[in-house]
Amino acid sequence: MKIPVILNGELTVLEADPALSLLKVLRREGIISAKLGCATGRCGSCTVLVGGRAAASCLIPLAAVRDATIITLEYFSKTPEYKVIIEAFGKAGIKLCGYCNAGKILATYSLISAYKHPTLQLVQDMVRHFNCSCTEQDNLVQGIMYAVAAFQKQSGQRSGRSQKGSKTSRNSRNGRSGKK
């Protein structure tokens, strides 16, 4: 079956059995950042963004992503947002082993995109779902909180420069309310 998607910014037609996992099809397409780990969606190694949200590609049937926008770590790593997250992780002493990077990085971006001011409890709840052996959970929480602060600082600087006296934020300029 042919399934059209936007994969890493390009219209792509994925041709495969619609019941196959998105992960298997992405691997056939040459995507190496999404990896098979636990096959239960908990390790984070298969994470991609689907419609801007972090998703475990090992659990998603190909048919479920028809016409969706899919971003992998290969593509995301070329963005300024990636650089902010990597710098925040470095500040927290997080070493990226390469195995579960997609989960840690894309889930962090998804969280910050969805919640303008995520609480420490929300971050801790998100991290609790990762089975990562290369990073202590406390360090990962700290790295995510550093990333939150860096994005908030950038957002404040942009809104202050773009329209002085205006309450325009990055999210409102992008059509997102930032409310959750």
N, C-alpha and C. Protein backbone atom coordinates (compact mmCIF):
# COMPACT_ATOMS: atom_id res chain seq x y z
N MET A 1 0.85 -1.17 0.00
CA MET A 1 0.00 0.00 0.00
C MET A 1 0.90 1.24 0.00
N LYS A 2 0.46 2.28 -0.66
CA LYS A 2 1.21 3.53 -0.71
C LYS A 2 0.64 4.50 0.32
N ILE A 3 1.53 5.00 1.19
CA ILE A 3 1.13 5.91 2.27
C ILE A 3 1.91 7.22 2.09
N PRO A 4 1.22 8.31 1.71
CA PRO A 4 1.93 9.59 1.57
C PRO A 4 2.16 10.24 2.95
N VAL A 5 3.35 10.77 3.13
CA VAL A 5 3.71 11.48 4.36
C VAL A 5 4.65 12.63 3.99
N ILE A 6 4.83 13.54 4.91
CA ILE A 6 5.91 14.52 4.81
C ILE A 6 6.99 13.99 5.74
N LEU A 7 8.07 13.50 5.17
CA LEU A 7 9.16 12.92 5.95
C LEU A 7 10.35 13.86 5.88
N ASN A 8 10.70 14.40 7.03
CA ASN A 8 11.84 15.31 7.11
C ASN A 8 11.75 16.44 6.09
N GLY A 9 10.55 17.00 5.98
CA GLY A 9 10.33 18.17 5.14
C GLY A 9 10.04 17.89 3.67
N GLU A 10 10.01 16.63 3.27
CA GLU A 10 9.78 16.30 1.87
C GLU A 10 8.60 15.34 1.74
N LEU A 11 7.75 15.63 0.74
CA LEU A 11 6.65 14.71 0.45
C LEU A 11 7.26 13.38 0.01
N THR A 12 6.86 12.33 0.69
CA THR A 12 7.40 11.00 0.44
C THR A 12 6.23 10.02 0.43
N VAL A 13 6.29 9.07 -0.48
CA VAL A 13 5.29 8.00 -0.50
C VAL A 13 5.98 6.74 0.01
N LEU A 14 5.51 6.27 1.16
CA LEU A 14 6.06 5.05 1.76
C LEU A 14 5.23 3.88 1.26
N GLU A 15 5.91 2.92 0.67
CA GLU A 15 5.20 1.77 0.11
C GLU A 15 5.56 0.52 0.90
N ALA A 16 4.56 0.01 1.62
CA ALA A 16 4.78 -1.18 2.45
C ALA A 16 3.43 -1.67 2.96
N ASP A 17 3.47 -2.80 3.61
CA ASP A 17 2.28 -3.34 4.26
C ASP A 17 1.83 -2.32 5.31
N PRO A 18 0.59 -1.87 5.30
CA PRO A 18 0.14 -0.83 6.23
C PRO A 18 0.18 -1.27 7.70
N ALA A 19 0.28 -2.57 7.95
CA ALA A 19 0.36 -3.06 9.33
C ALA A 19 1.79 -3.04 9.88
N LEU A 20 2.78 -2.87 9.00
CA LEU A 20 4.17 -2.80 9.47
C LEU A 20 4.34 -1.59 10.37
N SER A 21 5.26 -1.68 11.30
CA SER A 21 5.51 -0.53 12.16
C SER A 21 6.19 0.58 11.37
N LEU A 22 5.91 1.80 11.76
CA LEU A 22 6.56 2.96 11.15
C LEU A 22 8.07 2.81 11.27
N LEU A 23 8.55 2.30 12.39
CA LEU A 23 9.99 2.11 12.58
C LEU A 23 10.60 1.24 11.48
N LYS A 24 9.99 0.10 11.20
CA LYS A 24 10.53 -0.81 10.18
C LYS A 24 10.59 -0.12 8.82
N VAL A 25 9.56 0.65 8.50
CA VAL A 25 9.52 1.32 7.21
C VAL A 25 10.57 2.44 7.16
N LEU A 26 10.72 3.18 8.25
CA LEU A 26 11.73 4.24 8.29
C LEU A 26 13.13 3.66 8.13
N ARG A 27 13.39 2.54 8.76
CA ARG A 27 14.69 1.90 8.63
C ARG A 27 14.94 1.49 7.17
N ARG A 28 13.91 0.99 6.50
CA ARG A 28 14.03 0.65 5.07
C ARG A 28 14.33 1.89 4.23
N GLU A 29 13.86 3.04 4.72
CA GLU A 29 14.08 4.31 4.00
C GLU A 29 15.45 4.91 4.30
N GLY A 30 16.24 4.24 5.12
CA GLY A 30 17.58 4.70 5.43
C GLY A 30 17.70 5.57 6.66
N ILE A 31 16.63 5.68 7.44
CA ILE A 31 16.67 6.45 8.69
C ILE A 31 17.36 5.58 9.74
N ILE A 32 18.46 6.10 10.28
CA ILE A 32 19.20 5.30 11.26
C ILE A 32 19.06 5.81 12.70
N SER A 33 18.52 7.02 12.88
CA SER A 33 18.40 7.55 14.24
C SER A 33 17.32 6.83 15.04
N ALA A 34 16.28 6.36 14.37
CA ALA A 34 15.22 5.60 15.04
C ALA A 34 15.65 4.14 15.04
N LYS A 35 15.77 3.58 16.23
CA LYS A 35 16.30 2.22 16.37
C LYS A 35 15.31 1.33 17.12
N LEU A 36 15.37 0.04 16.86
CA LEU A 36 14.57 -0.91 17.63
C LEU A 36 15.29 -1.20 18.93
N GLY A 37 14.61 -0.95 20.01
CA GLY A 37 15.18 -1.22 21.33
C GLY A 37 14.32 -2.24 22.05
N CYS A 38 13.41 -1.73 22.84
CA CYS A 38 12.59 -2.60 23.69
C CYS A 38 11.35 -3.14 22.98
N ALA A 39 10.94 -2.52 21.88
CA ALA A 39 9.73 -2.89 21.13
C ALA A 39 8.45 -2.67 21.94
N THR A 40 8.55 -1.90 23.01
CA THR A 40 7.35 -1.57 23.82
C THR A 40 7.13 -0.06 23.91
N GLY A 41 8.01 0.73 23.30
CA GLY A 41 7.87 2.17 23.32
C GLY A 41 8.42 2.85 24.55
N ARG A 42 9.09 2.11 25.43
CA ARG A 42 9.56 2.71 26.69
C ARG A 42 11.01 3.17 26.67
N CYS A 43 11.82 2.63 25.78
CA CYS A 43 13.25 2.98 25.84
C CYS A 43 13.56 4.30 25.13
N GLY A 44 12.73 4.70 24.20
CA GLY A 44 12.93 5.97 23.50
C GLY A 44 13.80 5.88 22.26
N SER A 45 14.40 4.75 22.00
CA SER A 45 15.33 4.67 20.87
C SER A 45 14.65 4.77 19.51
N CYS A 46 13.36 4.54 19.44
CA CYS A 46 12.63 4.61 18.17
C CYS A 46 11.86 5.91 17.99
N THR A 47 12.08 6.88 18.85
CA THR A 47 11.27 8.10 18.87
C THR A 47 11.45 8.94 17.60
N VAL A 48 10.32 9.41 17.09
CA VAL A 48 10.25 10.39 16.02
C VAL A 48 9.17 11.39 16.41
N LEU A 49 9.13 12.51 15.70
CA LEU A 49 8.02 13.45 15.89
C LEU A 49 6.98 13.16 14.81
N VAL A 50 5.74 12.96 15.24
CA VAL A 50 4.62 12.77 14.32
C VAL A 50 3.65 13.90 14.61
N GLY A 51 3.51 14.80 13.66
CA GLY A 51 2.66 15.96 13.89
C GLY A 51 3.17 16.83 15.03
N GLY A 52 4.47 16.84 15.24
CA GLY A 52 5.08 17.66 16.27
C GLY A 52 5.15 17.03 17.65
N ARG A 53 4.61 15.85 17.80
CA ARG A 53 4.60 15.16 19.10
C ARG A 53 5.54 13.96 19.06
N ALA A 54 6.26 13.75 20.15
CA ALA A 54 7.13 12.58 20.24
C ALA A 54 6.28 11.32 20.22
N ALA A 55 6.71 10.35 19.41
CA ALA A 55 5.96 9.11 19.27
C ALA A 55 6.92 7.93 19.13
N ALA A 56 6.54 6.81 19.70
CA ALA A 56 7.32 5.58 19.60
C ALA A 56 7.00 4.91 18.27
N SER A 57 7.89 5.05 17.30
CA SER A 57 7.61 4.54 15.95
C SER A 57 7.51 3.02 15.90
N CYS A 58 8.02 2.33 16.92
CA CYS A 58 7.91 0.87 16.93
C CYS A 58 6.47 0.41 17.19
N LEU A 59 5.65 1.30 17.73
CA LEU A 59 4.27 0.93 18.08
C LEU A 59 3.23 1.43 17.09
N ILE A 60 3.64 2.26 16.14
CA ILE A 60 2.69 2.90 15.23
C ILE A 60 2.64 2.13 13.91
N PRO A 61 1.45 1.65 13.53
CA PRO A 61 1.36 1.01 12.21
C PRO A 61 1.48 2.08 11.12
N LEU A 62 2.08 1.71 10.02
CA LEU A 62 2.28 2.65 8.92
C LEU A 62 0.98 3.31 8.51
N ALA A 63 -0.09 2.58 8.47
CA ALA A 63 -1.38 3.13 8.04
C ALA A 63 -1.82 4.32 8.90
N ALA A 64 -1.38 4.38 10.14
CA ALA A 64 -1.81 5.44 11.05
C ALA A 64 -1.16 6.79 10.76
N VAL A 65 -0.13 6.82 9.91
CA VAL A 65 0.56 8.08 9.66
C VAL A 65 0.27 8.67 8.28
N ARG A 66 -0.75 8.17 7.61
CA ARG A 66 -1.12 8.71 6.29
C ARG A 66 -1.26 10.23 6.39
N ASP A 67 -0.57 10.93 5.51
CA ASP A 67 -0.60 12.40 5.40
C ASP A 67 -0.01 13.12 6.61
N ALA A 68 0.67 12.42 7.48
CA ALA A 68 1.27 13.04 8.67
C ALA A 68 2.64 13.64 8.33
N THR A 69 3.05 14.56 9.19
CA THR A 69 4.40 15.11 9.11
C THR A 69 5.26 14.37 10.11
N ILE A 70 6.33 13.76 9.62
CA ILE A 70 7.22 12.96 10.45
C ILE A 70 8.61 13.59 10.41
N ILE A 71 9.16 13.84 11.59
CA ILE A 71 10.50 14.41 11.71
C ILE A 71 11.36 13.41 12.49
N THR A 72 12.52 13.10 11.94
CA THR A 72 13.45 12.21 12.62
C THR A 72 14.60 13.04 13.18
N LEU A 73 15.41 12.41 14.00
CA LEU A 73 16.54 13.11 14.59
C LEU A 73 17.53 13.60 13.53
N GLU A 74 17.66 12.86 12.42
CA GLU A 74 18.55 13.30 11.34
C GLU A 74 18.19 14.72 10.90
N TYR A 75 16.92 14.97 10.70
CA TYR A 75 16.44 16.28 10.23
C TYR A 75 16.46 17.30 11.37
N PHE A 76 15.96 16.89 12.54
CA PHE A 76 15.87 17.80 13.67
C PHE A 76 17.25 18.29 14.10
N SER A 77 18.27 17.47 13.91
CA SER A 77 19.62 17.84 14.35
C SER A 77 20.19 19.03 13.58
N LYS A 78 19.52 19.46 12.54
CA LYS A 78 19.96 20.62 11.75
C LYS A 78 19.26 21.91 12.19
N THR A 79 18.46 21.84 13.25
CA THR A 79 17.68 23.01 13.67
C THR A 79 18.35 23.73 14.84
N PRO A 80 18.02 25.01 15.01
CA PRO A 80 18.55 25.74 16.17
C PRO A 80 18.04 25.16 17.50
N GLU A 81 16.84 24.59 17.48
CA GLU A 81 16.26 24.01 18.69
C GLU A 81 17.10 22.82 19.18
N TYR A 82 17.62 22.06 18.24
CA TYR A 82 18.49 20.93 18.59
C TYR A 82 19.71 21.44 19.34
N LYS A 83 20.30 22.50 18.82
CA LYS A 83 21.50 23.05 19.45
C LYS A 83 21.22 23.49 20.89
N VAL A 84 20.08 24.11 21.11
CA VAL A 84 19.72 24.55 22.46
C VAL A 84 19.60 23.35 23.40
N ILE A 85 18.94 22.30 22.94
CA ILE A 85 18.76 21.11 23.77
C ILE A 85 20.10 20.43 24.06
N ILE A 86 20.93 20.30 23.05
CA ILE A 86 22.25 19.67 23.24
C ILE A 86 23.09 20.46 24.23
N GLU A 87 23.07 21.78 24.11
CA GLU A 87 23.83 22.61 25.06
C GLU A 87 23.31 22.46 26.48
N ALA A 88 21.99 22.39 26.63
CA ALA A 88 21.39 22.20 27.95
C ALA A 88 21.76 20.84 28.53
N PHE A 89 21.74 19.82 27.69
CA PHE A 89 22.12 18.48 28.15
C PHE A 89 23.59 18.47 28.56
N GLY A 90 24.43 19.12 27.81
CA GLY A 90 25.85 19.19 28.16
C GLY A 90 26.07 19.89 29.49
N LYS A 91 25.30 20.95 29.72
CA LYS A 91 25.39 21.67 30.99
C LYS A 91 25.04 20.77 32.17
N ALA A 92 24.12 19.83 31.93
CA ALA A 92 23.69 18.90 32.99
C ALA A 92 24.60 17.68 33.08
N GLY A 93 25.62 17.61 32.23
CA GLY A 93 26.54 16.49 32.27
C GLY A 93 26.02 15.23 31.59
N ILE A 94 25.03 15.38 30.71
CA ILE A 94 24.46 14.23 30.02
C ILE A 94 25.37 13.83 28.87
N LYS A 95 25.75 12.58 28.86
CA LYS A 95 26.52 12.02 27.76
C LYS A 95 25.55 11.32 26.82
N LEU A 96 25.66 11.63 25.55
CA LEU A 96 24.75 11.03 24.58
C LEU A 96 25.44 9.81 23.95
N CYS A 97 24.88 8.64 24.22
CA CYS A 97 25.50 7.39 23.78
C CYS A 97 25.18 7.07 22.32
N GLY A 98 24.13 7.66 21.79
CA GLY A 98 23.73 7.37 20.42
C GLY A 98 22.58 6.41 20.32
N TYR A 99 22.32 5.67 21.38
CA TYR A 99 21.26 4.67 21.33
C TYR A 99 19.88 5.28 21.56
N CYS A 100 19.74 6.05 22.62
CA CYS A 100 18.43 6.60 22.95
C CYS A 100 18.38 8.12 22.76
N ASN A 101 19.30 8.67 21.99
CA ASN A 101 19.32 10.12 21.75
C ASN A 101 17.99 10.62 21.20
N ALA A 102 17.44 9.90 20.23
CA ALA A 102 16.20 10.35 19.61
C ALA A 102 15.11 10.54 20.67
N GLY A 103 15.01 9.61 21.59
CA GLY A 103 13.99 9.71 22.64
C GLY A 103 14.20 10.90 23.53
N LYS A 104 15.42 11.06 24.02
CA LYS A 104 15.69 12.16 24.95
C LYS A 104 15.52 13.52 24.28
N ILE A 105 16.07 13.67 23.10
CA ILE A 105 16.08 14.97 22.43
C ILE A 105 14.71 15.32 21.88
N LEU A 106 14.07 14.41 21.16
CA LEU A 106 12.78 14.71 20.55
C LEU A 106 11.66 14.82 21.59
N ALA A 107 11.73 14.02 22.64
CA ALA A 107 10.72 14.14 23.72
C ALA A 107 10.87 15.48 24.44
N THR A 108 12.11 15.93 24.62
CA THR A 108 12.34 17.24 25.25
C THR A 108 11.74 18.34 24.39
N TYR A 109 12.00 18.29 23.10
CA TYR A 109 11.45 19.30 22.20
C TYR A 109 9.92 19.25 22.19
N SER A 110 9.35 18.06 22.13
CA SER A 110 7.90 17.90 22.11
C SER A 110 7.27 18.49 23.38
N LEU A 111 7.88 18.21 24.52
CA LEU A 111 7.37 18.72 25.80
C LEU A 111 7.40 20.25 25.82
N ILE A 112 8.54 20.81 25.42
CA ILE A 112 8.68 22.27 25.46
C ILE A 112 7.76 22.93 24.45
N SER A 113 7.51 22.27 23.32
CA SER A 113 6.59 22.82 22.32
C SER A 113 5.14 22.80 22.81
N ALA A 114 4.81 21.76 23.57
CA ALA A 114 3.43 21.60 24.03
C ALA A 114 3.11 22.43 25.27
N TYR A 115 4.10 22.66 26.12
CA TYR A 115 3.88 23.36 27.37
C TYR A 115 4.83 24.55 27.47
N LYS A 116 4.27 25.72 27.53
CA LYS A 116 5.10 26.93 27.59
C LYS A 116 5.98 26.93 28.84
N HIS A 117 5.43 26.50 29.96
CA HIS A 117 6.15 26.47 31.23
C HIS A 117 5.94 25.11 31.91
N PRO A 118 6.57 24.05 31.40
CA PRO A 118 6.37 22.75 32.04
C PRO A 118 6.93 22.75 33.46
N THR A 119 6.20 22.12 34.33
CA THR A 119 6.63 22.05 35.74
C THR A 119 7.68 20.96 35.91
N LEU A 120 8.39 21.05 37.00
CA LEU A 120 9.37 20.02 37.35
C LEU A 120 8.66 18.66 37.44
N GLN A 121 7.47 18.63 38.02
CA GLN A 121 6.72 17.37 38.14
C GLN A 121 6.39 16.79 36.78
N LEU A 122 5.99 17.62 35.83
CA LEU A 122 5.68 17.15 34.48
C LEU A 122 6.92 16.55 33.82
N VAL A 123 8.05 17.22 33.98
CA VAL A 123 9.31 16.71 33.42
C VAL A 123 9.68 15.38 34.08
N GLN A 124 9.56 15.31 35.39
CA GLN A 124 9.88 14.06 36.09
C GLN A 124 8.97 12.92 35.64
N ASP A 125 7.70 13.22 35.42
CA ASP A 125 6.76 12.20 34.94
C ASP A 125 7.15 11.70 33.55
N MET A 126 7.57 12.63 32.68
CA MET A 126 7.97 12.25 31.33
C MET A 126 9.21 11.36 31.38
N VAL A 127 10.19 11.74 32.17
CA VAL A 127 11.46 11.02 32.25
C VAL A 127 11.26 9.63 32.85
N ARG A 128 10.32 9.50 33.73
CA ARG A 128 10.06 8.22 34.39
C ARG A 128 9.73 7.12 33.37
N HIS A 129 9.23 7.52 32.20
CA HIS A 129 8.83 6.56 31.19
C HIS A 129 9.99 6.07 30.31
N PHE A 130 11.16 6.66 30.48
CA PHE A 130 12.32 6.24 29.70
C PHE A 130 13.11 5.19 30.45
N ASN A 131 13.45 4.12 29.76
CA ASN A 131 14.36 3.11 30.30
C ASN A 131 15.70 3.35 29.63
N CYS A 132 16.48 4.25 30.21
CA CYS A 132 17.75 4.64 29.63
C CYS A 132 18.85 4.24 30.60
N SER A 133 19.83 3.49 30.10
CA SER A 133 20.90 3.05 30.99
C SER A 133 22.13 3.96 30.93
N CYS A 134 22.15 4.93 30.02
CA CYS A 134 23.35 5.76 29.87
C CYS A 134 23.24 7.09 30.62
N THR A 135 22.06 7.46 31.08
CA THR A 135 21.87 8.75 31.73
C THR A 135 21.05 8.58 33.00
N GLU A 136 21.54 9.12 34.09
CA GLU A 136 20.76 9.11 35.34
C GLU A 136 19.52 9.97 35.14
N GLN A 137 18.40 9.52 35.67
CA GLN A 137 17.15 10.27 35.51
C GLN A 137 17.25 11.68 36.07
N ASP A 138 17.93 11.85 37.21
CA ASP A 138 18.07 13.19 37.79
C ASP A 138 18.82 14.13 36.84
N ASN A 139 19.86 13.61 36.18
CA ASN A 139 20.60 14.43 35.22
C ASN A 139 19.73 14.79 34.02
N LEU A 140 18.94 13.83 33.56
CA LEU A 140 18.06 14.09 32.42
C LEU A 140 17.02 15.14 32.78
N VAL A 141 16.45 15.04 33.96
CA VAL A 141 15.49 16.06 34.42
C VAL A 141 16.17 17.43 34.43
N GLN A 142 17.37 17.49 34.98
CA GLN A 142 18.09 18.76 35.05
C GLN A 142 18.37 19.30 33.65
N GLY A 143 18.79 18.44 32.74
CA GLY A 143 19.05 18.87 31.37
C GLY A 143 17.82 19.41 30.69
N ILE A 144 16.68 18.76 30.91
CA ILE A 144 15.43 19.24 30.32
C ILE A 144 15.04 20.58 30.92
N MET A 145 15.20 20.72 32.22
CA MET A 145 14.87 22.00 32.86
C MET A 145 15.79 23.12 32.35
N TYR A 146 17.06 22.82 32.11
CA TYR A 146 17.97 23.81 31.50
C TYR A 146 17.47 24.19 30.11
N ALA A 147 17.01 23.20 29.34
CA ALA A 147 16.49 23.48 28.00
C ALA A 147 15.23 24.34 28.08
N VAL A 148 14.35 24.03 29.03
CA VAL A 148 13.14 24.85 29.22
C VAL A 148 13.53 26.30 29.47
N ALA A 149 14.47 26.51 30.38
CA ALA A 149 14.91 27.87 30.72
C ALA A 149 15.52 28.57 29.49
N ALA A 150 16.30 27.84 28.71
CA ALA A 150 16.94 28.43 27.52
C ALA A 150 15.89 28.82 26.48
N PHE A 151 14.89 27.97 26.26
CA PHE A 151 13.83 28.30 25.31
C PHE A 151 13.00 29.48 25.80
N GLN A 152 12.72 29.52 27.10
CA GLN A 152 11.96 30.65 27.65
C GLN A 152 12.74 31.94 27.50
N LYS A 153 14.04 31.89 27.73
CA LYS A 153 14.88 33.07 27.58
C LYS A 153 14.87 33.55 26.13
N GLN A 154 15.01 32.62 25.19
CA GLN A 154 14.97 32.97 23.77
C GLN A 154 13.63 33.57 23.37
N SER A 155 12.57 32.96 23.87
CA SER A 155 11.23 33.44 23.55
C SER A 155 11.04 34.87 24.05
N GLY A 156 11.51 35.13 25.26
CA GLY A 156 11.41 36.48 25.83
C GLY A 156 12.23 37.49 25.06
N GLN A 157 13.41 37.09 24.61
CA GLN A 157 14.26 37.99 23.83
C GLN A 157 13.63 38.29 22.49
N ARG A 158 13.07 37.27 21.83
CA ARG A 158 12.44 37.49 20.53
C ARG A 158 11.24 38.41 20.63
N SER A 159 10.40 38.18 21.64
CA SER A 159 9.20 39.00 21.74
C SER A 159 9.56 40.42 22.12
N GLY A 160 10.59 40.59 22.92
CA GLY A 160 11.03 41.94 23.30
C GLY A 160 11.62 42.70 22.14
N ARG A 161 12.36 42.02 21.26
CA ARG A 161 12.98 42.67 20.11
C ARG A 161 11.99 42.92 18.99
N SER A 162 11.06 41.97 18.80
CA SER A 162 10.21 42.06 17.63
C SER A 162 9.16 43.15 17.73
N GLN A 163 8.56 43.30 18.90
CA GLN A 163 7.52 44.30 19.06
C GLN A 163 7.57 44.82 20.48
N LYS A 164 8.31 45.86 20.71
CA LYS A 164 8.43 46.39 22.06
C LYS A 164 7.06 46.81 22.55
N GLY A 165 6.78 46.42 23.77
CA GLY A 165 5.50 46.75 24.38
C GLY A 165 4.42 45.76 24.03
N SER A 166 4.67 44.87 23.10
CA SER A 166 3.69 43.88 22.70
C SER A 166 3.87 42.63 23.54
N LYS A 167 2.79 41.90 23.72
CA LYS A 167 2.87 40.64 24.45
C LYS A 167 2.99 39.48 23.48
N THR A 168 3.45 39.73 22.29
CA THR A 168 3.61 38.69 21.30
C THR A 168 4.69 37.73 21.74
N SER A 169 4.38 36.46 21.71
CA SER A 169 5.37 35.44 22.07
C SER A 169 5.67 34.59 20.85
N ARG A 170 6.68 33.76 20.96
CA ARG A 170 7.03 32.86 19.86
C ARG A 170 5.84 31.98 19.51
N ASN A 171 5.14 31.46 20.53
CA ASN A 171 4.03 30.56 20.26
C ASN A 171 2.88 31.27 19.58
N SER A 172 2.54 32.49 19.99
CA SER A 172 1.42 33.17 19.38
C SER A 172 1.75 33.57 17.95
N ARG A 173 3.02 33.89 17.65
CA ARG A 173 3.39 34.21 16.28
C ARG A 173 3.29 32.98 15.39
N ASN A 174 3.47 31.80 15.98
CA ASN A 174 3.39 30.56 15.22
C ASN A 174 1.98 29.99 15.20
N GLY A 175 1.02 30.70 15.77
CA GLY A 175 -0.34 30.24 15.78
C GLY A 175 -0.69 29.29 16.89
N ARG A 176 0.21 29.10 17.85
CA ARG A 176 -0.07 28.23 18.99
C ARG A 176 -0.29 29.11 20.20
N SER A 177 -1.24 28.76 20.99
CA SER A 177 -1.55 29.58 22.16
C SER A 177 -0.60 29.36 23.31
N GLY A 178 0.03 28.20 23.38
CA GLY A 178 0.94 27.90 24.49
C GLY A 178 0.20 27.53 25.75
N LYS A 179 -1.12 27.44 25.68
CA LYS A 179 -1.93 27.10 26.87
C LYS A 179 -2.02 25.60 26.99
N LYS A 180 -1.78 25.13 28.17
CA LYS A 180 -2.00 23.71 28.52
C LYS A 180 -1.89 23.60 29.99
